[in-house]
């Protein structure tokens, strides 16, 4: 399994001193519909500790930092790619290669 960071994300992480990416599963379960998707974001040291100690997230050490993954099994490709997308004035971390479990 390879975790690949796009150069724009690496530059952003160095500039803003970020090194931990959390991948969270967000579920909306309404009586009419159900939505499951991933939310990928940077977390600070305090939040990292909370994810690991209280939520049981797995810590994957990569070349450019850490990735926190939930404890349940995920459908993952051989290569997981993280990138950076700018929408108006906001930066958003993107992820390809991880899918919701079926």
PDB file of N, CA and C in Angstrom:
ATOM      1  N   UNK A   1       0.848  -1.171   0.000  1.00  0.00           N
ATOM      2  CA  UNK A   1       0.000   0.000   0.000  1.00  0.00           C
ATOM      3  C   UNK A   1       0.893   1.232   0.000  1.00  0.00           C
ATOM      4  N   UNK A   2       0.639   2.133  -0.942  1.00  0.00           N
ATOM      5  CA  UNK A   2       1.430   3.357  -1.060  1.00  0.00           C
ATOM      6  C   UNK A   2       0.533   4.568  -0.824  1.00  0.00           C
ATOM      7  N   UNK A   3       1.010   5.497  -0.017  1.00  0.00           N
ATOM      8  CA  UNK A   3       0.320   6.750   0.235  1.00  0.00           C
ATOM      9  C   UNK A   3       1.086   7.837  -0.506  1.00  0.00           C
ATOM     10  N   UNK A   4       0.423   8.447  -1.492  1.00  0.00           N
ATOM     11  CA  UNK A   4       1.061   9.417  -2.377  1.00  0.00           C
ATOM     12  C   UNK A   4       0.491  10.800  -2.075  1.00  0.00           C
ATOM     13  N   UNK A   5       1.374  11.777  -1.951  1.00  0.00           N
ATOM     14  CA  UNK A   5       0.976  13.161  -1.718  1.00  0.00           C
ATOM     15  C   UNK A   5       1.298  13.967  -2.967  1.00  0.00           C
ATOM     16  N   UNK A   6       0.341  14.745  -3.468  1.00  0.00           N
ATOM     17  CA  UNK A   6       0.612  15.622  -4.592  1.00  0.00           C
ATOM     18  C   UNK A   6       1.501  16.773  -4.121  1.00  0.00           C
ATOM     19  N   UNK A   7       2.294  17.315  -5.030  1.00  0.00           N
ATOM     20  CA  UNK A   7       3.274  18.339  -4.661  1.00  0.00           C
ATOM     21  C   UNK A   7       2.609  19.573  -4.051  1.00  0.00           C
ATOM     22  N   UNK A   8       1.440  19.964  -4.544  1.00  0.00           N
ATOM     23  CA  UNK A   8       0.749  21.134  -3.986  1.00  0.00           C
ATOM     24  C   UNK A   8       0.397  20.919  -2.514  1.00  0.00           C
ATOM     25  N   UNK A   9       0.034  19.694  -2.144  1.00  0.00           N
ATOM     26  CA  UNK A   9      -0.278  19.376  -0.753  1.00  0.00           C
ATOM     27  C   UNK A   9       0.989  19.377   0.090  1.00  0.00           C
ATOM     28  N   UNK A  10       2.068  18.835  -0.424  1.00  0.00           N
ATOM     29  CA  UNK A  10       3.338  18.823   0.309  1.00  0.00           C
ATOM     30  C   UNK A  10       3.778  20.255   0.605  1.00  0.00           C
ATOM     31  N   UNK A  11       3.702  21.124  -0.397  1.00  0.00           N
ATOM     32  CA  UNK A  11       4.088  22.523  -0.212  1.00  0.00           C
ATOM     33  C   UNK A  11       3.213  23.200   0.841  1.00  0.00           C
ATOM     34  N   UNK A  12       1.904  22.951   0.786  1.00  0.00           N
ATOM     35  CA  UNK A  12       0.974  23.530   1.760  1.00  0.00           C
ATOM     36  C   UNK A  12       1.285  23.025   3.170  1.00  0.00           C
ATOM     37  N   UNK A  13       1.554  21.739   3.305  1.00  0.00           N
ATOM     38  CA  UNK A  13       1.855  21.161   4.615  1.00  0.00           C
ATOM     39  C   UNK A  13       3.123  21.773   5.207  1.00  0.00           C
ATOM     40  N   UNK A  14       4.146  21.963   4.399  1.00  0.00           N
ATOM     41  CA  UNK A  14       5.388  22.570   4.882  1.00  0.00           C
ATOM     42  C   UNK A  14       5.170  24.026   5.281  1.00  0.00           C
ATOM     43  N   UNK A  15       4.432  24.755   4.456  1.00  0.00           N
ATOM     44  CA  UNK A  15       4.205  26.177   4.708  1.00  0.00           C
ATOM     45  C   UNK A  15       3.407  26.402   5.986  1.00  0.00           C
ATOM     46  N   UNK A  16       2.407  25.546   6.252  1.00  0.00           N
ATOM     47  CA  UNK A  16       1.522  25.726   7.397  1.00  0.00           C
ATOM     48  C   UNK A  16       1.822  24.776   8.557  1.00  0.00           C
ATOM     49  N   UNK A  17       2.931  24.068   8.480  1.00  0.00           N
ATOM     50  CA  UNK A  17       3.366  23.154   9.545  1.00  0.00           C
ATOM     51  C   UNK A  17       2.280  22.130   9.909  1.00  0.00           C
ATOM     52  N   UNK A  18       1.734  21.482   8.896  1.00  0.00           N
ATOM     53  CA  UNK A  18       0.720  20.435   9.074  1.00  0.00           C
ATOM     54  C   UNK A  18       1.361  19.093   8.741  1.00  0.00           C
ATOM     55  N   UNK A  19       1.042  18.061   9.516  1.00  0.00           N
ATOM     56  CA  UNK A  19       1.615  16.757   9.192  1.00  0.00           C
ATOM     57  C   UNK A  19       0.682  15.575   9.467  1.00  0.00           C
ATOM     58  N   UNK A  20      -0.532  15.826   9.938  1.00  0.00           N
ATOM     59  CA  UNK A  20      -1.449  14.721  10.235  1.00  0.00           C
ATOM     60  C   UNK A  20      -2.763  14.926   9.491  1.00  0.00           C
ATOM     61  N   UNK A  21      -3.130  13.914   8.708  1.00  0.00           N
ATOM     62  CA  UNK A  21      -4.384  13.925   7.954  1.00  0.00           C
ATOM     63  C   UNK A  21      -5.304  12.863   8.548  1.00  0.00           C
ATOM     64  N   UNK A  22      -6.532  13.253   8.869  1.00  0.00           N
ATOM     65  CA  UNK A  22      -7.517  12.315   9.398  1.00  0.00           C
ATOM     66  C   UNK A  22      -8.557  12.021   8.322  1.00  0.00           C
ATOM     67  N   UNK A  23      -8.878  10.741   8.175  1.00  0.00           N
ATOM     68  CA  UNK A  23      -9.922  10.300   7.250  1.00  0.00           C
ATOM     69  C   UNK A  23     -11.088   9.826   8.105  1.00  0.00           C
ATOM     70  N   UNK A  24     -12.188  10.579   8.063  1.00  0.00           N
ATOM     71  CA  UNK A  24     -13.354  10.251   8.881  1.00  0.00           C
ATOM     72  C   UNK A  24     -14.510   9.798   8.002  1.00  0.00           C
ATOM     73  N   UNK A  25     -15.316   8.911   8.529  1.00  0.00           N
ATOM     74  CA  UNK A  25     -16.526   8.465   7.850  1.00  0.00           C
ATOM     75  C   UNK A  25     -17.695   9.272   8.400  1.00  0.00           C
ATOM     76  N   UNK A  26     -18.405   9.959   7.509  1.00  0.00           N
ATOM     77  CA  UNK A  26     -19.567  10.753   7.892  1.00  0.00           C
ATOM     78  C   UNK A  26     -20.796  10.040   7.349  1.00  0.00           C
ATOM     79  N   UNK A  27     -21.751   9.762   8.241  1.00  0.00           N
ATOM     80  CA  UNK A  27     -22.965   9.065   7.830  1.00  0.00           C
ATOM     81  C   UNK A  27     -24.186   9.887   8.191  1.00  0.00           C
ATOM     82  N   UNK A  28     -25.084   9.999   7.246  1.00  0.00           N
ATOM     83  CA  UNK A  28     -26.372  10.638   7.481  1.00  0.00           C
ATOM     84  C   UNK A  28     -27.427   9.577   7.217  1.00  0.00           C
ATOM     85  N   UNK A  29     -28.183   9.266   8.238  1.00  0.00           N
ATOM     86  CA  UNK A  29     -29.206   8.239   8.112  1.00  0.00           C
ATOM     87  C   UNK A  29     -30.555   8.854   8.447  1.00  0.00           C
ATOM     88  N   UNK A  30     -31.294   9.171   7.418  1.00  0.00           N
ATOM     89  CA  UNK A  30     -32.616   9.751   7.545  1.00  0.00           C
ATOM     90  C   UNK A  30     -33.619   8.654   7.198  1.00  0.00           C
ATOM     91  N   UNK A  31     -34.845   8.844   7.528  1.00  0.00           N
ATOM     92  CA  UNK A  31     -35.831   7.813   7.212  1.00  0.00           C
ATOM     93  C   UNK A  31     -36.018   7.642   5.710  1.00  0.00           C
ATOM     94  N   UNK A  32     -35.699   8.668   4.915  1.00  0.00           N
ATOM     95  CA  UNK A  32     -35.896   8.586   3.470  1.00  0.00           C
ATOM     96  C   UNK A  32     -34.632   8.220   2.699  1.00  0.00           C
ATOM     97  N   UNK A  33     -33.480   8.546   3.234  1.00  0.00           N
ATOM     98  CA  UNK A  33     -32.245   8.273   2.507  1.00  0.00           C
ATOM     99  C   UNK A  33     -31.073   8.086   3.473  1.00  0.00           C
ATOM    100  N   UNK A  34     -30.018   7.508   2.950  1.00  0.00           N
ATOM    101  CA  UNK A  34     -28.809   7.284   3.741  1.00  0.00           C
ATOM    102  C   UNK A  34     -27.606   7.676   2.897  1.00  0.00           C
ATOM    103  N   UNK A  35     -26.721   8.471   3.480  1.00  0.00           N
ATOM    104  CA  UNK A  35     -25.523   8.926   2.784  1.00  0.00           C
ATOM    105  C   UNK A  35     -24.306   8.591   3.645  1.00  0.00           C
ATOM    106  N   UNK A  36     -23.284   8.020   3.015  1.00  0.00           N
ATOM    107  CA  UNK A  36     -22.009   7.765   3.677  1.00  0.00           C
ATOM    108  C   UNK A  36     -20.901   8.316   2.799  1.00  0.00           C
ATOM    109  N   UNK A  37     -20.022   9.100   3.386  1.00  0.00           N
ATOM    110  CA  UNK A  37     -18.893   9.619   2.631  1.00  0.00           C
ATOM    111  C   UNK A  37     -17.732   9.888   3.577  1.00  0.00           C
ATOM    112  N   UNK A  38     -16.566  10.123   2.976  1.00  0.00           N
ATOM    113  CA  UNK A  38     -15.369  10.389   3.764  1.00  0.00           C
ATOM    114  C   UNK A  38     -15.139  11.887   3.873  1.00  0.00           C
ATOM    115  N   UNK A  39     -14.653  12.285   5.013  1.00  0.00           N
ATOM    116  CA  UNK A  39     -14.249  13.666   5.256  1.00  0.00           C
ATOM    117  C   UNK A  39     -12.764  13.611   5.582  1.00  0.00           C
ATOM    118  N   UNK A  40     -11.955  14.290   4.786  1.00  0.00           N
ATOM    119  CA  UNK A  40     -10.501  14.265   4.942  1.00  0.00           C
ATOM    120  C   UNK A  40     -10.055  15.651   5.351  1.00  0.00           C
ATOM    121  N   UNK A  41      -9.298  15.745   6.454  1.00  0.00           N
ATOM    122  CA  UNK A  41      -8.873  17.052   6.951  1.00  0.00           C
ATOM    123  C   UNK A  41      -7.588  16.940   7.752  1.00  0.00           C
ATOM    124  N   UNK A  42      -6.975  18.096   7.977  1.00  0.00           N
ATOM    125  CA  UNK A  42      -5.809  18.157   8.843  1.00  0.00           C
ATOM    126  C   UNK A  42      -6.274  18.235  10.285  1.00  0.00           C
ATOM    127  N   UNK A  43      -5.528  17.604  11.179  1.00  0.00           N
ATOM    128  CA  UNK A  43      -5.808  17.719  12.611  1.00  0.00           C
ATOM    129  C   UNK A  43      -4.527  18.112  13.328  1.00  0.00           C
ATOM    130  N   UNK A  44      -4.689  18.815  14.444  1.00  0.00           N
ATOM    131  CA  UNK A  44      -3.532  19.198  15.245  1.00  0.00           C
ATOM    132  C   UNK A  44      -3.175  18.071  16.218  1.00  0.00           C
ATOM    133  N   UNK A  45      -2.156  18.284  17.014  1.00  0.00           N
ATOM    134  CA  UNK A  45      -1.645  17.246  17.924  1.00  0.00           C
ATOM    135  C   UNK A  45      -2.707  16.813  18.945  1.00  0.00           C
ATOM    136  N   UNK A  46      -3.448  17.771  19.491  1.00  0.00           N
ATOM    137  CA  UNK A  46      -4.474  17.448  20.480  1.00  0.00           C
ATOM    138  C   UNK A  46      -5.582  16.587  19.866  1.00  0.00           C
ATOM    139  N   UNK A  47      -6.054  16.969  18.677  1.00  0.00           N
ATOM    140  CA  UNK A  47      -7.085  16.185  18.004  1.00  0.00           C
ATOM    141  C   UNK A  47      -6.551  14.823  17.585  1.00  0.00           C
ATOM    142  N   UNK A  48      -5.289  14.759  17.170  1.00  0.00           N
ATOM    143  CA  UNK A  48      -4.674  13.482  16.793  1.00  0.00           C
ATOM    144  C   UNK A  48      -4.735  12.515  17.963  1.00  0.00           C
ATOM    145  N   UNK A  49      -4.364  12.995  19.148  1.00  0.00           N
ATOM    146  CA  UNK A  49      -4.386  12.142  20.333  1.00  0.00           C
ATOM    147  C   UNK A  49      -5.798  11.679  20.662  1.00  0.00           C
ATOM    148  N   UNK A  50      -6.771  12.549  20.479  1.00  0.00           N
ATOM    149  CA  UNK A  50      -8.159  12.169  20.738  1.00  0.00           C
ATOM    150  C   UNK A  50      -8.637  11.113  19.740  1.00  0.00           C
ATOM    151  N   UNK A  51      -8.287  11.264  18.470  1.00  0.00           N
ATOM    152  CA  UNK A  51      -8.665  10.271  17.472  1.00  0.00           C
ATOM    153  C   UNK A  51      -8.064   8.909  17.807  1.00  0.00           C
ATOM    154  N   UNK A  52      -6.820   8.894  18.230  1.00  0.00           N
ATOM    155  CA  UNK A  52      -6.126   7.634  18.492  1.00  0.00           C
ATOM    156  C   UNK A  52      -6.595   7.005  19.801  1.00  0.00           C
ATOM    157  N   UNK A  53      -6.609   7.782  20.877  1.00  0.00           N
ATOM    158  CA  UNK A  53      -6.906   7.227  22.201  1.00  0.00           C
ATOM    159  C   UNK A  53      -8.391   6.964  22.436  1.00  0.00           C
ATOM    160  N   UNK A  54      -9.248   7.881  22.028  1.00  0.00           N
ATOM    161  CA  UNK A  54     -10.672   7.742  22.340  1.00  0.00           C
ATOM    162  C   UNK A  54     -11.472   7.068  21.238  1.00  0.00           C
ATOM    163  N   UNK A  55     -11.090   7.285  19.989  1.00  0.00           N
ATOM    164  CA  UNK A  55     -11.845   6.714  18.883  1.00  0.00           C
ATOM    165  C   UNK A  55     -11.191   5.466  18.301  1.00  0.00           C
ATOM    166  N   UNK A  56      -9.979   5.176  18.689  1.00  0.00           N
ATOM    167  CA  UNK A  56      -9.308   3.964  18.234  1.00  0.00           C
ATOM    168  C   UNK A  56      -8.825   3.996  16.801  1.00  0.00           C
ATOM    169  N   UNK A  57      -8.513   5.163  16.277  1.00  0.00           N
ATOM    170  CA  UNK A  57      -8.022   5.276  14.902  1.00  0.00           C
ATOM    171  C   UNK A  57      -6.638   4.650  14.763  1.00  0.00           C
ATOM    172  N   UNK A  58      -6.370   4.108  13.588  1.00  0.00           N
ATOM    173  CA  UNK A  58      -5.053   3.549  13.273  1.00  0.00           C
ATOM    174  C   UNK A  58      -4.149   4.665  12.765  1.00  0.00           C
ATOM    175  N   UNK A  59      -2.887   4.637  13.159  1.00  0.00           N
ATOM    176  CA  UNK A  59      -1.916   5.628  12.716  1.00  0.00           C
ATOM    177  C   UNK A  59      -1.030   4.989  11.661  1.00  0.00           C
ATOM    178  N   UNK A  60      -1.026   5.563  10.471  1.00  0.00           N
ATOM    179  CA  UNK A  60      -0.167   5.106   9.386  1.00  0.00           C
ATOM    180  C   UNK A  60       0.897   6.182   9.181  1.00  0.00           C
ATOM    181  N   UNK A  61       2.153   5.823   9.382  1.00  0.00           N
ATOM    182  CA  UNK A  61       3.246   6.762   9.183  1.00  0.00           C
ATOM    183  C   UNK A  61       3.650   6.750   7.719  1.00  0.00           C
ATOM    184  N   UNK A  62       3.701   7.940   7.124  1.00  0.00           N
ATOM    185  CA  UNK A  62       4.061   8.074   5.714  1.00  0.00           C
ATOM    186  C   UNK A  62       5.316   8.932   5.589  1.00  0.00           C
ATOM    187  N   UNK A  63       5.749   9.095   4.376  1.00  0.00           N
ATOM    188  CA  UNK A  63       6.953   9.870   4.109  1.00  0.00           C
ATOM    189  C   UNK A  63       6.789  11.342   4.504  1.00  0.00           C
ATOM    190  N   UNK A  64       5.572  11.859   4.443  1.00  0.00           N
ATOM    191  CA  UNK A  64       5.344  13.281   4.696  1.00  0.00           C
ATOM    192  C   UNK A  64       4.551  13.548   5.967  1.00  0.00           C
ATOM    193  N   UNK A  65       4.275  12.554   6.765  1.00  0.00           N
ATOM    194  CA  UNK A  65       3.520  12.760   7.998  1.00  0.00           C
ATOM    195  C   UNK A  65       2.767  11.515   8.400  1.00  0.00           C
ATOM    196  N   UNK A  66       1.571  11.720   8.925  1.00  0.00           N
ATOM    197  CA  UNK A  66       0.743  10.606   9.389  1.00  0.00           C
ATOM    198  C   UNK A  66      -0.642  10.674   8.763  1.00  0.00           C
ATOM    199  N   UNK A  67      -1.231   9.505   8.609  1.00  0.00           N
ATOM    200  CA  UNK A  67      -2.619   9.390   8.167  1.00  0.00           C
ATOM    201  C   UNK A  67      -3.356   8.616   9.247  1.00  0.00           C
ATOM    202  N   UNK A  68      -4.469   9.158   9.706  1.00  0.00           N
ATOM    203  CA  UNK A  68      -5.297   8.490  10.708  1.00  0.00           C
ATOM    204  C   UNK A  68      -6.496   7.867  10.010  1.00  0.00           C
ATOM    205  N   UNK A  69      -6.661   6.559  10.199  1.00  0.00           N
ATOM    206  CA  UNK A  69      -7.758   5.829   9.558  1.00  0.00           C
ATOM    207  C   UNK A  69      -8.663   5.218  10.619  1.00  0.00           C
ATOM    208  N   UNK A  70      -9.972   5.170  10.368  1.00  0.00           N
ATOM    209  CA  UNK A  70     -10.882   4.556  11.335  1.00  0.00           C
ATOM    210  C   UNK A  70     -10.571   3.079  11.532  1.00  0.00           C
ATOM    211  N   UNK A  71     -11.039   2.542  12.634  1.00  0.00           N
ATOM    212  CA  UNK A  71     -10.684   1.157  12.984  1.00  0.00           C
ATOM    213  C   UNK A  71     -11.426   0.109  12.164  1.00  0.00           C
ATOM    214  N   UNK A  72     -12.533   0.477  11.521  1.00  0.00           N
ATOM    215  CA  UNK A  72     -13.261  -0.511  10.728  1.00  0.00           C
ATOM    216  C   UNK A  72     -12.588  -0.691   9.369  1.00  0.00           C
ATOM    217  N   UNK A  73     -12.811  -1.833   8.714  1.00  0.00           N
ATOM    218  CA  UNK A  73     -12.175  -2.103   7.415  1.00  0.00           C
ATOM    219  C   UNK A  73     -12.652  -1.125   6.338  1.00  0.00           C
ATOM    220  N   UNK A  74     -11.744  -0.740   5.468  1.00  0.00           N
ATOM    221  CA  UNK A  74     -12.042   0.169   4.370  1.00  0.00           C
ATOM    222  C   UNK A  74     -11.715  -0.507   3.051  1.00  0.00           C
ATOM    223  N   UNK A  75     -12.400  -0.103   1.990  1.00  0.00           N
ATOM    224  CA  UNK A  75     -12.043  -0.549   0.649  1.00  0.00           C
ATOM    225  C   UNK A  75     -10.981   0.412   0.129  1.00  0.00           C
ATOM    226  N   UNK A  76      -9.741  -0.083   0.020  1.00  0.00           N
ATOM    227  CA  UNK A  76      -8.625   0.774  -0.366  1.00  0.00           C
ATOM    228  C   UNK A  76      -7.935   0.216  -1.600  1.00  0.00           C
ATOM    229  N   UNK A  77      -7.572   1.120  -2.510  1.00  0.00           N
ATOM    230  CA  UNK A  77      -6.793   0.744  -3.678  1.00  0.00           C
ATOM    231  C   UNK A  77      -5.342   0.544  -3.269  1.00  0.00           C
ATOM    232  N   UNK A  78      -4.535   0.052  -4.194  1.00  0.00           N
ATOM    233  CA  UNK A  78      -3.112  -0.146  -3.928  1.00  0.00           C
ATOM    234  C   UNK A  78      -2.406   1.183  -3.675  1.00  0.00           C
ATOM    235  N   UNK A  79      -2.852   2.248  -4.361  1.00  0.00           N
ATOM    236  CA  UNK A  79      -2.289   3.582  -4.172  1.00  0.00           C
ATOM    237  C   UNK A  79      -3.379   4.522  -3.677  1.00  0.00           C
ATOM    238  N   UNK A  80      -3.110   5.180  -2.561  1.00  0.00           N
ATOM    239  CA  UNK A  80      -4.016   6.194  -2.021  1.00  0.00           C
ATOM    240  C   UNK A  80      -3.338   7.541  -2.242  1.00  0.00           C
ATOM    241  N   UNK A  81      -4.034   8.450  -2.936  1.00  0.00           N
ATOM    242  CA  UNK A  81      -3.449   9.740  -3.297  1.00  0.00           C
ATOM    243  C   UNK A  81      -4.161  10.869  -2.568  1.00  0.00           C
ATOM    244  N   UNK A  82      -3.383  11.709  -1.889  1.00  0.00           N
ATOM    245  CA  UNK A  82      -3.910  12.898  -1.226  1.00  0.00           C
ATOM    246  C   UNK A  82      -3.491  14.116  -2.032  1.00  0.00           C
ATOM    247  N   UNK A  83      -4.403  15.062  -2.167  1.00  0.00           N
ATOM    248  CA  UNK A  83      -4.117  16.274  -2.918  1.00  0.00           C
ATOM    249  C   UNK A  83      -4.721  17.478  -2.230  1.00  0.00           C
ATOM    250  N   UNK A  84      -4.591  18.622  -2.875  1.00  0.00           N
ATOM    251  CA  UNK A  84      -5.118  19.867  -2.339  1.00  0.00           C
ATOM    252  C   UNK A  84      -5.949  20.544  -3.417  1.00  0.00           C
ATOM    253  N   UNK A  85      -7.162  20.918  -3.059  1.00  0.00           N
ATOM    254  CA  UNK A  85      -8.064  21.588  -3.996  1.00  0.00           C
ATOM    255  C   UNK A  85      -8.458  22.922  -3.378  1.00  0.00           C
ATOM    256  N   UNK A  86      -8.371  23.966  -4.156  1.00  0.00           N
ATOM    257  CA  UNK A  86      -8.743  25.291  -3.659  1.00  0.00           C
ATOM    258  C   UNK A  86     -10.115  25.651  -4.209  1.00  0.00           C
ATOM    259  N   UNK A  87     -11.029  25.988  -3.299  1.00  0.00           N
ATOM    260  CA  UNK A  87     -12.372  26.416  -3.651  1.00  0.00           C
ATOM    261  C   UNK A  87     -12.557  27.807  -3.059  1.00  0.00           C
ATOM    262  N   UNK A  88     -12.663  28.800  -3.939  1.00  0.00           N
ATOM    263  CA  UNK A  88     -12.713  30.208  -3.541  1.00  0.00           C
ATOM    264  C   UNK A  88     -11.492  30.538  -2.683  1.00  0.00           C
ATOM    265  N   UNK A  89     -11.695  30.811  -1.397  1.00  0.00           N
ATOM    266  CA  UNK A  89     -10.579  31.170  -0.519  1.00  0.00           C
ATOM    267  C   UNK A  89     -10.173  30.022   0.398  1.00  0.00           C
ATOM    268  N   UNK A  90     -10.778  28.868   0.236  1.00  0.00           N
ATOM    269  CA  UNK A  90     -10.557  27.757   1.148  1.00  0.00           C
ATOM    270  C   UNK A  90      -9.789  26.631   0.468  1.00  0.00           C
ATOM    271  N   UNK A  91      -8.917  25.986   1.236  1.00  0.00           N
ATOM    272  CA  UNK A  91      -8.195  24.815   0.752  1.00  0.00           C
ATOM    273  C   UNK A  91      -8.864  23.572   1.310  1.00  0.00           C
ATOM    274  N   UNK A  92      -8.966  22.569   0.478  1.00  0.00           N
ATOM    275  CA  UNK A  92      -9.658  21.329   0.834  1.00  0.00           C
ATOM    276  C   UNK A  92      -8.746  20.154   0.494  1.00  0.00           C
ATOM    277  N   UNK A  93      -8.548  19.251   1.435  1.00  0.00           N
ATOM    278  CA  UNK A  93      -7.737  18.053   1.192  1.00  0.00           C
ATOM    279  C   UNK A  93      -8.588  17.035   0.452  1.00  0.00           C
ATOM    280  N   UNK A  94      -8.050  16.505  -0.644  1.00  0.00           N
ATOM    281  CA  UNK A  94      -8.769  15.497  -1.422  1.00  0.00           C
ATOM    282  C   UNK A  94      -8.112  14.136  -1.222  1.00  0.00           C
ATOM    283  N   UNK A  95      -8.871  13.099  -1.488  1.00  0.00           N
ATOM    284  CA  UNK A  95      -8.359  11.736  -1.316  1.00  0.00           C
ATOM    285  C   UNK A  95      -8.944  10.851  -2.413  1.00  0.00           C
ATOM    286  N   UNK A  96      -8.087  10.111  -3.072  1.00  0.00           N
ATOM    287  CA  UNK A  96      -8.514   9.129  -4.065  1.00  0.00           C
ATOM    288  C   UNK A  96      -7.927   7.780  -3.661  1.00  0.00           C
ATOM    289  N   UNK A  97      -8.724   6.739  -3.795  1.00  0.00           N
ATOM    290  CA  UNK A  97      -8.241   5.401  -3.500  1.00  0.00           C
ATOM    291  C   UNK A  97      -8.832   4.778  -2.254  1.00  0.00           C
ATOM    292  N   UNK A  98      -9.671   5.517  -1.526  1.00  0.00           N
ATOM    293  CA  UNK A  98     -10.374   4.978  -0.370  1.00  0.00           C
ATOM    294  C   UNK A  98     -11.860   5.114  -0.665  1.00  0.00           C
ATOM    295  N   UNK A  99     -12.568   4.015  -0.465  1.00  0.00           N
ATOM    296  CA  UNK A  99     -14.008   4.013  -0.712  1.00  0.00           C
ATOM    297  C   UNK A  99     -14.745   3.534   0.520  1.00  0.00           C
ATOM    298  N   UNK A 100     -16.014   3.885   0.578  1.00  0.00           N
ATOM    299  CA  UNK A 100     -16.835   3.427   1.704  1.00  0.00           C
ATOM    300  C   UNK A 100     -17.014   1.923   1.606  1.00  0.00           C
ATOM    301  N   UNK A 101     -16.996   1.241   2.747  1.00  0.00           N
ATOM    302  CA  UNK A 101     -17.184  -0.209   2.712  1.00  0.00           C
ATOM    303  C   UNK A 101     -18.575  -0.570   2.222  1.00  0.00           C
ATOM    304  N   UNK A 102     -18.659  -1.700   1.519  1.00  0.00           N
ATOM    305  CA  UNK A 102     -19.954  -2.130   0.980  1.00  0.00           C
ATOM    306  C   UNK A 102     -20.568  -3.214   1.807  1.00  0.00           C
TER     307      UNK A 102
END
